[in-house]
């Protein structure tokens, strides 16, 4: 059986070091304060971005 590392490869942005913390976790304090990026308020856009980054 192949290991996870043999069948999966990181996305190019990860390999290049071009990732943001927000790619992995939503900052709910920003949502509560109304200062979050627009994508946080649009569920379809938010989850599309999180799945495709």
N, C-alpha and C. Protein backbone atom coordinates (compact mmCIF):
# COMPACT_ATOMS: atom_id res chain seq x y z
N UNK A 1 0.84 -1.17 0.00
CA UNK A 1 0.00 0.00 0.00
C UNK A 1 0.89 1.25 0.00
N UNK A 2 0.55 2.20 -0.86
CA UNK A 2 1.32 3.44 -0.93
C UNK A 2 0.99 4.34 0.25
N UNK A 3 1.96 5.13 0.65
CA UNK A 3 1.75 6.09 1.73
C UNK A 3 1.10 7.36 1.20
N UNK A 4 0.59 8.16 2.09
CA UNK A 4 -0.01 9.44 1.73
C UNK A 4 0.97 10.29 0.94
N UNK A 5 2.22 10.27 1.33
CA UNK A 5 3.24 11.08 0.67
C UNK A 5 3.56 10.60 -0.75
N UNK A 6 3.26 9.35 -1.02
CA UNK A 6 3.49 8.80 -2.36
C UNK A 6 2.34 9.10 -3.32
N UNK A 7 1.13 9.27 -2.78
CA UNK A 7 -0.02 9.50 -3.66
C UNK A 7 -0.51 10.94 -3.70
N UNK A 8 -0.06 11.75 -2.77
CA UNK A 8 -0.48 13.16 -2.71
C UNK A 8 0.72 14.06 -2.90
N UNK A 9 0.48 15.17 -3.56
CA UNK A 9 1.55 16.17 -3.67
C UNK A 9 0.99 17.53 -3.32
N UNK A 10 1.79 18.36 -2.68
CA UNK A 10 1.32 19.70 -2.29
C UNK A 10 1.00 20.55 -3.52
N UNK A 11 0.07 21.47 -3.32
CA UNK A 11 -0.28 22.42 -4.39
C UNK A 11 0.93 23.30 -4.67
N UNK A 12 1.00 23.87 -5.87
CA UNK A 12 2.14 24.72 -6.23
C UNK A 12 2.34 25.90 -5.26
N UNK A 13 1.25 26.52 -4.79
CA UNK A 13 1.40 27.66 -3.89
C UNK A 13 2.07 27.25 -2.58
N UNK A 14 1.82 26.05 -2.13
CA UNK A 14 2.47 25.56 -0.90
C UNK A 14 3.96 25.31 -1.16
N UNK A 15 4.25 24.66 -2.28
CA UNK A 15 5.65 24.39 -2.62
C UNK A 15 6.46 25.68 -2.78
N UNK A 16 5.80 26.73 -3.29
CA UNK A 16 6.46 28.02 -3.50
C UNK A 16 6.51 28.87 -2.24
N UNK A 17 5.81 28.45 -1.20
CA UNK A 17 5.78 29.22 0.04
C UNK A 17 4.81 30.39 -0.02
N UNK A 18 3.89 30.36 -0.96
CA UNK A 18 2.92 31.46 -1.13
C UNK A 18 1.57 31.09 -0.55
N UNK A 19 1.54 30.84 0.74
CA UNK A 19 0.29 30.49 1.39
C UNK A 19 -0.02 31.50 2.49
N UNK A 20 -1.31 31.60 2.79
CA UNK A 20 -1.75 32.49 3.85
C UNK A 20 -2.38 31.65 4.95
N UNK A 21 -2.26 32.09 6.17
CA UNK A 21 -2.89 31.37 7.28
C UNK A 21 -4.39 31.24 7.05
N UNK A 22 -4.99 32.25 6.43
CA UNK A 22 -6.43 32.23 6.19
C UNK A 22 -6.83 31.13 5.20
N UNK A 23 -5.87 30.57 4.48
CA UNK A 23 -6.18 29.45 3.58
C UNK A 23 -6.58 28.21 4.37
N UNK A 24 -6.21 28.16 5.63
CA UNK A 24 -6.44 26.96 6.43
C UNK A 24 -7.45 27.16 7.54
N UNK A 25 -7.73 28.39 7.93
CA UNK A 25 -8.67 28.63 9.02
C UNK A 25 -9.32 29.99 8.87
N UNK A 26 -10.60 30.03 9.11
CA UNK A 26 -11.33 31.30 9.07
C UNK A 26 -11.07 32.08 10.35
N UNK A 27 -10.95 33.37 10.23
CA UNK A 27 -10.79 34.24 11.40
C UNK A 27 -12.18 34.74 11.79
N UNK A 28 -12.81 34.03 12.70
CA UNK A 28 -14.19 34.36 13.06
C UNK A 28 -14.30 35.70 13.77
N UNK A 29 -13.24 36.15 14.41
CA UNK A 29 -13.27 37.48 15.04
C UNK A 29 -13.50 38.55 13.97
N UNK A 30 -12.89 38.38 12.81
CA UNK A 30 -13.11 39.33 11.71
C UNK A 30 -14.56 39.30 11.25
N UNK A 31 -15.16 38.14 11.22
CA UNK A 31 -16.56 38.02 10.82
C UNK A 31 -17.44 38.76 11.82
N UNK A 32 -17.20 38.52 13.10
CA UNK A 32 -18.00 39.16 14.15
C UNK A 32 -17.85 40.68 14.10
N UNK A 33 -16.62 41.15 13.85
CA UNK A 33 -16.35 42.59 13.82
C UNK A 33 -16.74 43.24 12.50
N UNK A 34 -17.10 42.42 11.51
CA UNK A 34 -17.47 42.96 10.20
C UNK A 34 -16.28 43.40 9.37
N UNK A 35 -15.08 42.92 9.70
CA UNK A 35 -13.88 43.33 8.97
C UNK A 35 -13.31 42.21 8.10
N UNK A 36 -14.01 41.10 8.02
CA UNK A 36 -13.53 39.97 7.23
C UNK A 36 -13.65 40.26 5.74
N UNK A 37 -12.80 39.61 4.93
CA UNK A 37 -12.93 39.75 3.48
C UNK A 37 -14.33 39.30 3.03
N UNK A 38 -14.79 39.84 1.94
CA UNK A 38 -16.13 39.54 1.43
C UNK A 38 -16.36 38.04 1.28
N UNK A 39 -15.34 37.28 0.90
CA UNK A 39 -15.50 35.83 0.70
C UNK A 39 -16.00 35.12 1.95
N UNK A 40 -15.76 35.67 3.14
CA UNK A 40 -16.22 35.05 4.38
C UNK A 40 -17.74 35.11 4.51
N UNK A 41 -18.35 36.07 3.85
CA UNK A 41 -19.79 36.26 3.95
C UNK A 41 -20.55 35.57 2.83
N UNK A 42 -19.83 34.97 1.88
CA UNK A 42 -20.44 34.28 0.75
C UNK A 42 -20.03 32.81 0.82
N UNK A 43 -20.84 31.96 1.47
CA UNK A 43 -20.45 30.56 1.70
C UNK A 43 -19.96 29.82 0.46
N UNK A 44 -20.65 29.97 -0.67
CA UNK A 44 -20.23 29.25 -1.87
C UNK A 44 -18.84 29.66 -2.31
N UNK A 45 -18.57 30.96 -2.27
CA UNK A 45 -17.24 31.44 -2.65
C UNK A 45 -16.19 31.01 -1.62
N UNK A 46 -16.52 31.12 -0.35
CA UNK A 46 -15.57 30.76 0.72
C UNK A 46 -15.14 29.30 0.58
N UNK A 47 -16.09 28.40 0.47
CA UNK A 47 -15.74 26.98 0.41
C UNK A 47 -15.07 26.60 -0.90
N UNK A 48 -15.42 27.28 -1.99
CA UNK A 48 -14.73 27.02 -3.26
C UNK A 48 -13.27 27.40 -3.15
N UNK A 49 -12.99 28.53 -2.54
CA UNK A 49 -11.60 28.99 -2.38
C UNK A 49 -10.84 28.03 -1.48
N UNK A 50 -11.43 27.64 -0.36
CA UNK A 50 -10.75 26.77 0.58
C UNK A 50 -10.46 25.40 -0.03
N UNK A 51 -11.36 24.90 -0.87
CA UNK A 51 -11.17 23.58 -1.49
C UNK A 51 -10.18 23.62 -2.64
N UNK A 52 -10.05 24.77 -3.29
CA UNK A 52 -9.23 24.83 -4.50
C UNK A 52 -7.91 25.53 -4.35
N UNK A 53 -7.53 25.83 -3.15
CA UNK A 53 -6.22 26.48 -2.94
C UNK A 53 -5.19 25.44 -2.64
